All heavy atoms as atom14 arrays in JSON, in Angstrom:
{
  "sequence": "VPAGTVLAEKQELVRNNGSEPASLDPHKVESNVELSLISDM",
  "atom14_mask": [
    [1, 1, 1, 1, 1, 1, 1, 0, 0, 0, 0, 0, 0, 0],
    [1, 1, 1, 1, 1, 1, 1, 0, 0, 0, 0, 0, 0, 0],
    [1, 1, 1, 1, 1, 0, 0, 0, 0, 0, 0, 0, 0, 0],
    [1, 1, 1, 1, 0, 0, 0, 0, 0, 0, 0, 0, 0, 0],
    [1, 1, 1, 1, 1, 1, 1, 0, 0, 0, 0, 0, 0, 0],
    [1, 1, 1, 1, 1, 1, 1, 0, 0, 0, 0, 0, 0, 0],
    [1, 1, 1, 1, 1, 1, 1, 1, 0, 0, 0, 0, 0, 0],
    [1, 1, 1, 1, 1, 0, 0, 0, 0, 0, 0, 0, 0, 0],
    [1, 1, 1, 1, 1, 1, 1, 1, 1, 0, 0, 0, 0, 0],
    [1, 1, 1, 1, 1, 1, 1, 1, 1, 0, 0, 0, 0, 0],
    [1, 1, 1, 1, 1, 1, 1, 1, 1, 0, 0, 0, 0, 0],
    [1, 1, 1, 1, 1, 1, 1, 1, 1, 0, 0, 0, 0, 0],
    [1, 1, 1, 1, 1, 1, 1, 1, 0, 0, 0, 0, 0, 0],
    [1, 1, 1, 1, 1, 1, 1, 0, 0, 0, 0, 0, 0, 0],
    [1, 1, 1, 1, 1, 1, 1, 1, 1, 1, 1, 0, 0, 0],
    [1, 1, 1, 1, 1, 1, 1, 1, 0, 0, 0, 0, 0, 0],
    [1, 1, 1, 1, 1, 1, 1, 1, 0, 0, 0, 0, 0, 0],
    [1, 1, 1, 1, 0, 0, 0, 0, 0, 0, 0, 0, 0, 0],
    [1, 1, 1, 1, 1, 1, 0, 0, 0, 0, 0, 0, 0, 0],
    [1, 1, 1, 1, 1, 1, 1, 1, 1, 0, 0, 0, 0, 0],
    [1, 1, 1, 1, 1, 1, 1, 0, 0, 0, 0, 0, 0, 0],
    [1, 1, 1, 1, 1, 0, 0, 0, 0, 0, 0, 0, 0, 0],
    [1, 1, 1, 1, 1, 1, 0, 0, 0, 0, 0, 0, 0, 0],
    [1, 1, 1, 1, 1, 1, 1, 1, 0, 0, 0, 0, 0, 0],
    [1, 1, 1, 1, 1, 1, 1, 1, 0, 0, 0, 0, 0, 0],
    [1, 1, 1, 1, 1, 1, 1, 0, 0, 0, 0, 0, 0, 0],
    [1, 1, 1, 1, 1, 1, 1, 1, 1, 1, 0, 0, 0, 0],
    [1, 1, 1, 1, 1, 1, 1, 1, 1, 0, 0, 0, 0, 0],
    [1, 1, 1, 1, 1, 1, 1, 0, 0, 0, 0, 0, 0, 0],
    [1, 1, 1, 1, 1, 1, 1, 1, 1, 0, 0, 0, 0, 0],
    [1, 1, 1, 1, 1, 1, 0, 0, 0, 0, 0, 0, 0, 0],
    [1, 1, 1, 1, 1, 1, 1, 1, 0, 0, 0, 0, 0, 0],
    [1, 1, 1, 1, 1, 1, 1, 0, 0, 0, 0, 0, 0, 0],
    [1, 1, 1, 1, 1, 1, 1, 1, 1, 0, 0, 0, 0, 0],
    [1, 1, 1, 1, 1, 1, 1, 1, 0, 0, 0, 0, 0, 0],
    [1, 1, 1, 1, 1, 1, 0, 0, 0, 0, 0, 0, 0, 0],
    [1, 1, 1, 1, 1, 1, 1, 1, 0, 0, 0, 0, 0, 0],
    [1, 1, 1, 1, 1, 1, 1, 1, 0, 0, 0, 0, 0, 0],
    [1, 1, 1, 1, 1, 1, 0, 0, 0, 0, 0, 0, 0, 0],
    [1, 1, 1, 1, 1, 1, 1, 1, 0, 0, 0, 0, 0, 0],
    [1, 1, 1, 1, 1, 1, 1, 1, 0, 0, 0, 0, 0, 0]
  ],
  "atom14_positions": [
    [[62.58, 9.32, 20.05], [62.57, 8.19, 19.05], [63.92, 7.52, 19.07], [64.95, 8.18, 18.81], [62.23, 8.75, 17.67], [62.15, 7.62, 16.69], [60.89, 9.53, 17.69], [0.0, 0.0, 0.0], [0.0, 0.0, 0.0], [0.0, 0.0, 0.0], [0.0, 0.0, 0.0], [0.0, 0.0, 0.0], [0.0, 0.0, 0.0], [0.0, 0.0, 0.0]],
    [[64.01, 6.22, 19.36], [65.25, 5.51, 19.41], [65.97, 5.53, 18.0], [65.27, 5.53, 16.97], [64.9, 4.09, 19.76], [63.56, 4.26, 20.49], [62.88, 5.37, 19.78], [0.0, 0.0, 0.0], [0.0, 0.0, 0.0], [0.0, 0.0, 0.0], [0.0, 0.0, 0.0], [0.0, 0.0, 0.0], [0.0, 0.0, 0.0], [0.0, 0.0, 0.0]],
    [[67.26, 5.58, 18.0], [68.01, 5.56, 16.73], [67.65, 4.29, 15.99], [67.53, 3.17, 16.51], [69.53, 5.57, 17.07], [0.0, 0.0, 0.0], [0.0, 0.0, 0.0], [0.0, 0.0, 0.0], [0.0, 0.0, 0.0], [0.0, 0.0, 0.0], [0.0, 0.0, 0.0], [0.0, 0.0, 0.0], [0.0, 0.0, 0.0], [0.0, 0.0, 0.0]],
    [[67.48, 4.46, 14.69], [67.14, 3.33, 13.8], [65.68, 3.09, 13.6], [65.3, 2.22, 12.81], [0.0, 0.0, 0.0], [0.0, 0.0, 0.0], [0.0, 0.0, 0.0], [0.0, 0.0, 0.0], [0.0, 0.0, 0.0], [0.0, 0.0, 0.0], [0.0, 0.0, 0.0], [0.0, 0.0, 0.0], [0.0, 0.0, 0.0], [0.0, 0.0, 0.0]],
    [[64.84, 3.76, 14.4], [63.39, 3.56, 14.25], [62.9, 4.21, 12.95], [63.23, 5.34, 12.66], [62.68, 4.24, 15.46], [63.09, 3.62, 16.65], [61.16, 4.09, 15.27], [0.0, 0.0, 0.0], [0.0, 0.0, 0.0], [0.0, 0.0, 0.0], [0.0, 0.0, 0.0], [0.0, 0.0, 0.0], [0.0, 0.0, 0.0], [0.0, 0.0, 0.0]],
    [[62.16, 3.45, 12.2], [61.56, 3.99, 10.94], [60.2, 4.51, 11.26], [59.29, 3.7, 11.67], [61.56, 2.94, 9.85], [60.97, 3.5, 8.54], [62.96, 2.38, 9.6], [0.0, 0.0, 0.0], [0.0, 0.0, 0.0], [0.0, 0.0, 0.0], [0.0, 0.0, 0.0], [0.0, 0.0, 0.0], [0.0, 0.0, 0.0], [0.0, 0.0, 0.0]],
    [[59.94, 5.77, 11.05], [58.65, 6.38, 11.35], [57.71, 6.23, 10.18], [58.1, 6.28, 9.01], [58.83, 7.84, 11.71], [59.6, 8.11, 13.01], [59.77, 9.66, 13.19], [58.87, 7.54, 14.21], [0.0, 0.0, 0.0], [0.0, 0.0, 0.0], [0.0, 0.0, 0.0], [0.0, 0.0, 0.0], [0.0, 0.0, 0.0], [0.0, 0.0, 0.0]],
    [[56.4, 6.06, 10.5], [55.36, 6.08, 9.48], [55.29, 7.47, 8.87], [55.53, 8.51, 9.52], [54.05, 5.67, 10.08], [0.0, 0.0, 0.0], [0.0, 0.0, 0.0], [0.0, 0.0, 0.0], [0.0, 0.0, 0.0], [0.0, 0.0, 0.0], [0.0, 0.0, 0.0], [0.0, 0.0, 0.0], [0.0, 0.0, 0.0], [0.0, 0.0, 0.0]],
    [[54.91, 7.54, 7.58], [54.75, 8.82, 6.94], [53.58, 9.56, 7.53], [53.62, 10.79, 7.68], [54.52, 8.57, 5.46], [54.39, 9.86, 4.64], [54.25, 9.62, 3.15], [54.6, 8.48, 2.7], [53.82, 10.53, 2.44], [0.0, 0.0, 0.0], [0.0, 0.0, 0.0], [0.0, 0.0, 0.0], [0.0, 0.0, 0.0], [0.0, 0.0, 0.0]],
    [[52.56, 8.79, 7.96], [51.35, 9.44, 8.52], [51.45, 9.38, 10.04], [51.35, 8.31, 10.65], [50.09, 8.74, 8.03], [48.74, 9.39, 8.41], [47.63, 8.54, 7.78], [46.26, 9.21, 8.14], [45.15, 8.44, 7.57], [0.0, 0.0, 0.0], [0.0, 0.0, 0.0], [0.0, 0.0, 0.0], [0.0, 0.0, 0.0], [0.0, 0.0, 0.0]],
    [[51.66, 10.51, 10.69], [51.8, 10.58, 12.14], [50.44, 11.01, 12.79], [50.29, 12.18, 13.16], [52.94, 11.5, 12.54], [54.31, 10.91, 12.18], [54.63, 9.69, 13.03], [54.42, 9.67, 14.23], [55.24, 8.71, 12.4], [0.0, 0.0, 0.0], [0.0, 0.0, 0.0], [0.0, 0.0, 0.0], [0.0, 0.0, 0.0], [0.0, 0.0, 0.0]],
    [[49.56, 10.07, 12.89], [48.2, 10.34, 13.46], [47.85, 9.27, 14.49], [48.14, 8.08, 14.26], [47.13, 10.41, 12.35], [47.39, 11.57, 11.38], [46.28, 11.72, 10.36], [45.31, 10.93, 10.43], [46.4, 12.59, 9.43], [0.0, 0.0, 0.0], [0.0, 0.0, 0.0], [0.0, 0.0, 0.0], [0.0, 0.0, 0.0], [0.0, 0.0, 0.0]],
    [[47.24, 9.65, 15.52], [46.91, 8.83, 16.64], [45.42, 8.87, 16.96], [44.82, 9.95, 16.94], [47.76, 9.22, 17.88], [47.62, 8.42, 19.15], [48.3, 7.05, 19.02], [48.2, 9.17, 20.29], [0.0, 0.0, 0.0], [0.0, 0.0, 0.0], [0.0, 0.0, 0.0], [0.0, 0.0, 0.0], [0.0, 0.0, 0.0], [0.0, 0.0, 0.0]],
    [[44.83, 7.7, 17.24], [43.38, 7.69, 17.67], [43.35, 7.08, 19.1], [43.83, 5.95, 19.37], [42.59, 6.82, 16.73], [41.1, 6.87, 17.17], [42.65, 7.33, 15.32], [0.0, 0.0, 0.0], [0.0, 0.0, 0.0], [0.0, 0.0, 0.0], [0.0, 0.0, 0.0], [0.0, 0.0, 0.0], [0.0, 0.0, 0.0], [0.0, 0.0, 0.0]],
    [[42.77, 7.86, 20.02], [42.68, 7.47, 21.43], [41.17, 7.45, 21.83], [40.45, 8.35, 21.45], [43.41, 8.43, 22.34], [44.82, 8.64, 22.05], [45.45, 9.75, 22.87], [45.23, 9.61, 24.33], [45.95, 10.26, 25.29], [46.92, 11.1, 24.89], [45.69, 10.07, 26.5], [0.0, 0.0, 0.0], [0.0, 0.0, 0.0], [0.0, 0.0, 0.0]],
    [[40.85, 6.5, 22.67], [39.52, 6.61, 23.31], [39.73, 7.34, 24.62], [40.66, 7.14, 25.3], [38.91, 5.19, 23.59], [37.56, 5.32, 24.32], [36.89, 6.32, 24.15], [37.23, 4.29, 25.07], [0.0, 0.0, 0.0], [0.0, 0.0, 0.0], [0.0, 0.0, 0.0], [0.0, 0.0, 0.0], [0.0, 0.0, 0.0], [0.0, 0.0, 0.0]],
    [[38.73, 8.22, 24.94], [38.86, 9.02, 26.1], [37.82, 8.62, 27.22], [37.69, 9.34, 28.23], [38.64, 10.5, 25.77], [39.2, 11.42, 26.83], [40.26, 11.15, 27.41], [38.52, 12.54, 27.05], [0.0, 0.0, 0.0], [0.0, 0.0, 0.0], [0.0, 0.0, 0.0], [0.0, 0.0, 0.0], [0.0, 0.0, 0.0], [0.0, 0.0, 0.0]],
    [[37.04, 7.6, 26.94], [36.15, 7.07, 27.99], [34.73, 7.74, 28.01], [33.76, 6.99, 28.25], [0.0, 0.0, 0.0], [0.0, 0.0, 0.0], [0.0, 0.0, 0.0], [0.0, 0.0, 0.0], [0.0, 0.0, 0.0], [0.0, 0.0, 0.0], [0.0, 0.0, 0.0], [0.0, 0.0, 0.0], [0.0, 0.0, 0.0], [0.0, 0.0, 0.0]],
    [[34.64, 9.01, 27.89], [33.36, 9.69, 27.95], [33.45, 11.04, 27.17], [34.59, 11.47, 26.85], [32.99, 10.03, 29.39], [32.68, 8.82, 30.1], [0.0, 0.0, 0.0], [0.0, 0.0, 0.0], [0.0, 0.0, 0.0], [0.0, 0.0, 0.0], [0.0, 0.0, 0.0], [0.0, 0.0, 0.0], [0.0, 0.0, 0.0], [0.0, 0.0, 0.0]],
    [[32.34, 11.65, 26.91], [32.31, 13.01, 26.42], [32.75, 13.96, 27.49], [32.25, 13.93, 28.63], [30.9, 13.34, 25.95], [30.71, 14.78, 25.47], [31.44, 15.08, 24.16], [31.78, 14.13, 23.45], [31.6, 16.25, 23.86], [0.0, 0.0, 0.0], [0.0, 0.0, 0.0], [0.0, 0.0, 0.0], [0.0, 0.0, 0.0], [0.0, 0.0, 0.0]],
    [[33.73, 14.83, 27.25], [34.18, 15.73, 28.33], [33.05, 16.73, 28.72], [32.29, 17.2, 27.88], [35.39, 16.52, 27.69], [35.18, 16.32, 26.22], [34.49, 15.0, 26.03], [0.0, 0.0, 0.0], [0.0, 0.0, 0.0], [0.0, 0.0, 0.0], [0.0, 0.0, 0.0], [0.0, 0.0, 0.0], [0.0, 0.0, 0.0], [0.0, 0.0, 0.0]],
    [[33.08, 17.1, 30.0], [32.04, 18.04, 30.46], [32.38, 19.43, 29.93], [31.49, 20.24, 29.73], [32.07, 18.08, 32.01], [0.0, 0.0, 0.0], [0.0, 0.0, 0.0], [0.0, 0.0, 0.0], [0.0, 0.0, 0.0], [0.0, 0.0, 0.0], [0.0, 0.0, 0.0], [0.0, 0.0, 0.0], [0.0, 0.0, 0.0], [0.0, 0.0, 0.0]],
    [[33.66, 19.72, 29.75], [34.12, 21.03, 29.22], [35.6, 20.9, 28.86], [36.25, 19.89, 29.2], [33.95, 22.1, 30.29], [34.51, 23.32, 29.88], [0.0, 0.0, 0.0], [0.0, 0.0, 0.0], [0.0, 0.0, 0.0], [0.0, 0.0, 0.0], [0.0, 0.0, 0.0], [0.0, 0.0, 0.0], [0.0, 0.0, 0.0], [0.0, 0.0, 0.0]],
    [[36.11, 21.87, 28.13], [37.57, 21.97, 27.88], [38.17, 23.17, 28.5], [39.28, 23.52, 28.28], [37.87, 21.96, 26.35], [37.58, 20.63, 25.67], [37.94, 20.77, 24.11], [38.38, 19.51, 26.27], [0.0, 0.0, 0.0], [0.0, 0.0, 0.0], [0.0, 0.0, 0.0], [0.0, 0.0, 0.0], [0.0, 0.0, 0.0], [0.0, 0.0, 0.0]],
    [[37.37, 23.78, 29.45], [37.85, 24.86, 30.26], [38.55, 24.31, 31.45], [37.9, 23.62, 32.25], [36.66, 25.76, 30.66], [37.11, 27.06, 31.4], [38.11, 27.04, 32.11], [36.36, 28.07, 31.28], [0.0, 0.0, 0.0], [0.0, 0.0, 0.0], [0.0, 0.0, 0.0], [0.0, 0.0, 0.0], [0.0, 0.0, 0.0], [0.0, 0.0, 0.0]],
    [[39.86, 24.51, 31.62], [40.57, 23.96, 32.75], [40.03, 24.27, 34.16], [40.25, 23.58, 35.09], [42.02, 24.47, 32.6], [42.08, 24.76, 31.16], [40.75, 25.26, 30.74], [0.0, 0.0, 0.0], [0.0, 0.0, 0.0], [0.0, 0.0, 0.0], [0.0, 0.0, 0.0], [0.0, 0.0, 0.0], [0.0, 0.0, 0.0], [0.0, 0.0, 0.0]],
    [[39.25, 25.37, 34.2], [38.68, 25.73, 35.52], [37.29, 25.18, 35.76], [36.72, 25.4, 36.85], [38.64, 27.29, 35.58], [39.96, 27.94, 35.56], [40.09, 29.27, 35.31], [41.22, 27.43, 35.72], [41.4, 29.56, 35.34], [42.07, 28.45, 35.59], [0.0, 0.0, 0.0], [0.0, 0.0, 0.0], [0.0, 0.0, 0.0], [0.0, 0.0, 0.0]],
    [[36.74, 24.44, 34.82], [35.39, 23.92, 34.94], [35.32, 22.42, 35.04], [34.27, 21.85, 35.01], [34.53, 24.38, 33.78], [34.48, 25.92, 33.56], [33.7, 26.61, 34.71], [33.67, 28.09, 34.54], [32.76, 28.5, 33.47], [0.0, 0.0, 0.0], [0.0, 0.0, 0.0], [0.0, 0.0, 0.0], [0.0, 0.0, 0.0], [0.0, 0.0, 0.0]],
    [[36.5, 21.74, 35.13], [36.5, 20.27, 35.06], [37.26, 19.67, 36.27], [37.91, 20.4, 37.0], [37.18, 19.82, 33.74], [36.38, 20.31, 32.6], [38.59, 20.3, 33.68], [0.0, 0.0, 0.0], [0.0, 0.0, 0.0], [0.0, 0.0, 0.0], [0.0, 0.0, 0.0], [0.0, 0.0, 0.0], [0.0, 0.0, 0.0], [0.0, 0.0, 0.0]],
    [[37.15, 18.36, 36.43], [37.72, 17.68, 37.57], [38.21, 16.33, 37.35], [38.76, 15.64, 38.24], [36.73, 17.73, 38.72], [35.42, 16.98, 38.41], [34.38, 17.2, 39.49], [34.65, 16.84, 40.63], [33.33, 17.77, 39.2], [0.0, 0.0, 0.0], [0.0, 0.0, 0.0], [0.0, 0.0, 0.0], [0.0, 0.0, 0.0], [0.0, 0.0, 0.0]],
    [[37.99, 15.71, 36.15], [38.33, 14.27, 35.97], [39.39, 14.13, 34.86], [39.61, 15.0, 34.04], [37.09, 13.49, 35.61], [36.78, 13.59, 34.27], [0.0, 0.0, 0.0], [0.0, 0.0, 0.0], [0.0, 0.0, 0.0], [0.0, 0.0, 0.0], [0.0, 0.0, 0.0], [0.0, 0.0, 0.0], [0.0, 0.0, 0.0], [0.0, 0.0, 0.0]],
    [[39.9, 12.9, 34.81], [40.92, 12.6, 33.75], [40.3, 12.58, 32.38], [41.05, 12.73, 31.37], [41.64, 11.28, 34.02], [40.68, 10.11, 34.17], [39.51, 10.25, 34.35], [41.23, 8.95, 34.04], [0.0, 0.0, 0.0], [0.0, 0.0, 0.0], [0.0, 0.0, 0.0], [0.0, 0.0, 0.0], [0.0, 0.0, 0.0], [0.0, 0.0, 0.0]],
    [[38.95, 12.51, 32.26], [38.28, 12.58, 30.94], [38.68, 13.96, 30.31], [38.99, 14.0, 29.15], [36.83, 12.43, 31.13], [36.1, 12.8, 29.81], [36.43, 10.97, 31.47], [0.0, 0.0, 0.0], [0.0, 0.0, 0.0], [0.0, 0.0, 0.0], [0.0, 0.0, 0.0], [0.0, 0.0, 0.0], [0.0, 0.0, 0.0], [0.0, 0.0, 0.0]],
    [[38.57, 14.99, 31.11], [38.9, 16.33, 30.59], [40.33, 16.68, 30.72], [40.95, 17.3, 29.85], [38.03, 17.39, 31.35], [36.51, 17.25, 31.12], [35.89, 16.25, 32.09], [36.58, 15.85, 33.12], [34.77, 15.75, 31.86], [0.0, 0.0, 0.0], [0.0, 0.0, 0.0], [0.0, 0.0, 0.0], [0.0, 0.0, 0.0], [0.0, 0.0, 0.0]],
    [[40.95, 16.31, 31.87], [42.31, 16.72, 32.16], [43.33, 16.08, 31.19], [44.42, 16.64, 30.94], [42.68, 16.43, 33.57], [41.86, 17.27, 34.65], [42.22, 16.9, 36.03], [41.91, 18.74, 34.4], [0.0, 0.0, 0.0], [0.0, 0.0, 0.0], [0.0, 0.0, 0.0], [0.0, 0.0, 0.0], [0.0, 0.0, 0.0], [0.0, 0.0, 0.0]],
    [[43.04, 14.9, 30.69], [43.91, 14.32, 29.67], [44.0, 15.15, 28.41], [45.08, 15.42, 27.87], [43.47, 12.91, 29.31], [43.57, 12.03, 30.4], [0.0, 0.0, 0.0], [0.0, 0.0, 0.0], [0.0, 0.0, 0.0], [0.0, 0.0, 0.0], [0.0, 0.0, 0.0], [0.0, 0.0, 0.0], [0.0, 0.0, 0.0], [0.0, 0.0, 0.0]],
    [[42.86, 15.62, 27.98], [42.8, 16.52, 26.82], [43.5, 17.85, 27.06], [44.35, 18.34, 26.28], [41.35, 16.77, 26.41], [40.63, 15.73, 25.55], [39.15, 15.75, 25.82], [40.94, 15.99, 24.09], [0.0, 0.0, 0.0], [0.0, 0.0, 0.0], [0.0, 0.0, 0.0], [0.0, 0.0, 0.0], [0.0, 0.0, 0.0], [0.0, 0.0, 0.0]],
    [[43.21, 18.43, 28.27], [43.77, 19.69, 28.6], [45.29, 19.62, 28.76], [46.02, 20.43, 28.31], [43.12, 20.18, 29.9], [41.7, 20.63, 29.62], [43.96, 21.35, 30.57], [40.86, 20.84, 30.82], [0.0, 0.0, 0.0], [0.0, 0.0, 0.0], [0.0, 0.0, 0.0], [0.0, 0.0, 0.0], [0.0, 0.0, 0.0], [0.0, 0.0, 0.0]],
    [[45.83, 18.45, 29.28], [47.24, 18.3, 29.46], [47.93, 18.15, 28.11], [49.13, 18.49, 28.0], [47.52, 17.06, 30.32], [47.06, 17.27, 31.62], [0.0, 0.0, 0.0], [0.0, 0.0, 0.0], [0.0, 0.0, 0.0], [0.0, 0.0, 0.0], [0.0, 0.0, 0.0], [0.0, 0.0, 0.0], [0.0, 0.0, 0.0], [0.0, 0.0, 0.0]],
    [[47.24, 17.67, 27.1], [47.83, 17.56, 25.76], [47.91, 18.98, 25.09], [48.74, 19.2, 24.21], [47.0, 16.63, 24.89], [47.74, 15.36, 24.6], [48.61, 14.97, 25.39], [47.4, 14.68, 23.58], [0.0, 0.0, 0.0], [0.0, 0.0, 0.0], [0.0, 0.0, 0.0], [0.0, 0.0, 0.0], [0.0, 0.0, 0.0], [0.0, 0.0, 0.0]],
    [[46.96, 19.85, 25.5], [46.87, 21.12, 24.77], [47.41, 22.3, 25.52], [47.54, 23.43, 24.97], [45.4, 21.39, 24.41], [44.87, 20.41, 23.39], [43.18, 20.83, 22.76], [42.19, 20.43, 24.15], [0.0, 0.0, 0.0], [0.0, 0.0, 0.0], [0.0, 0.0, 0.0], [0.0, 0.0, 0.0], [0.0, 0.0, 0.0], [0.0, 0.0, 0.0]]
  ]
}
């Protein structure tokens, strides 16, 4: 966060992920639909 940036009190983000993930098991998936979620977690 750059110096002087005023942050919102509510730190919540809404993202579209393109499709329903096939799984959240890292060994059962192959696309960025699932891997984006897995990389966040």
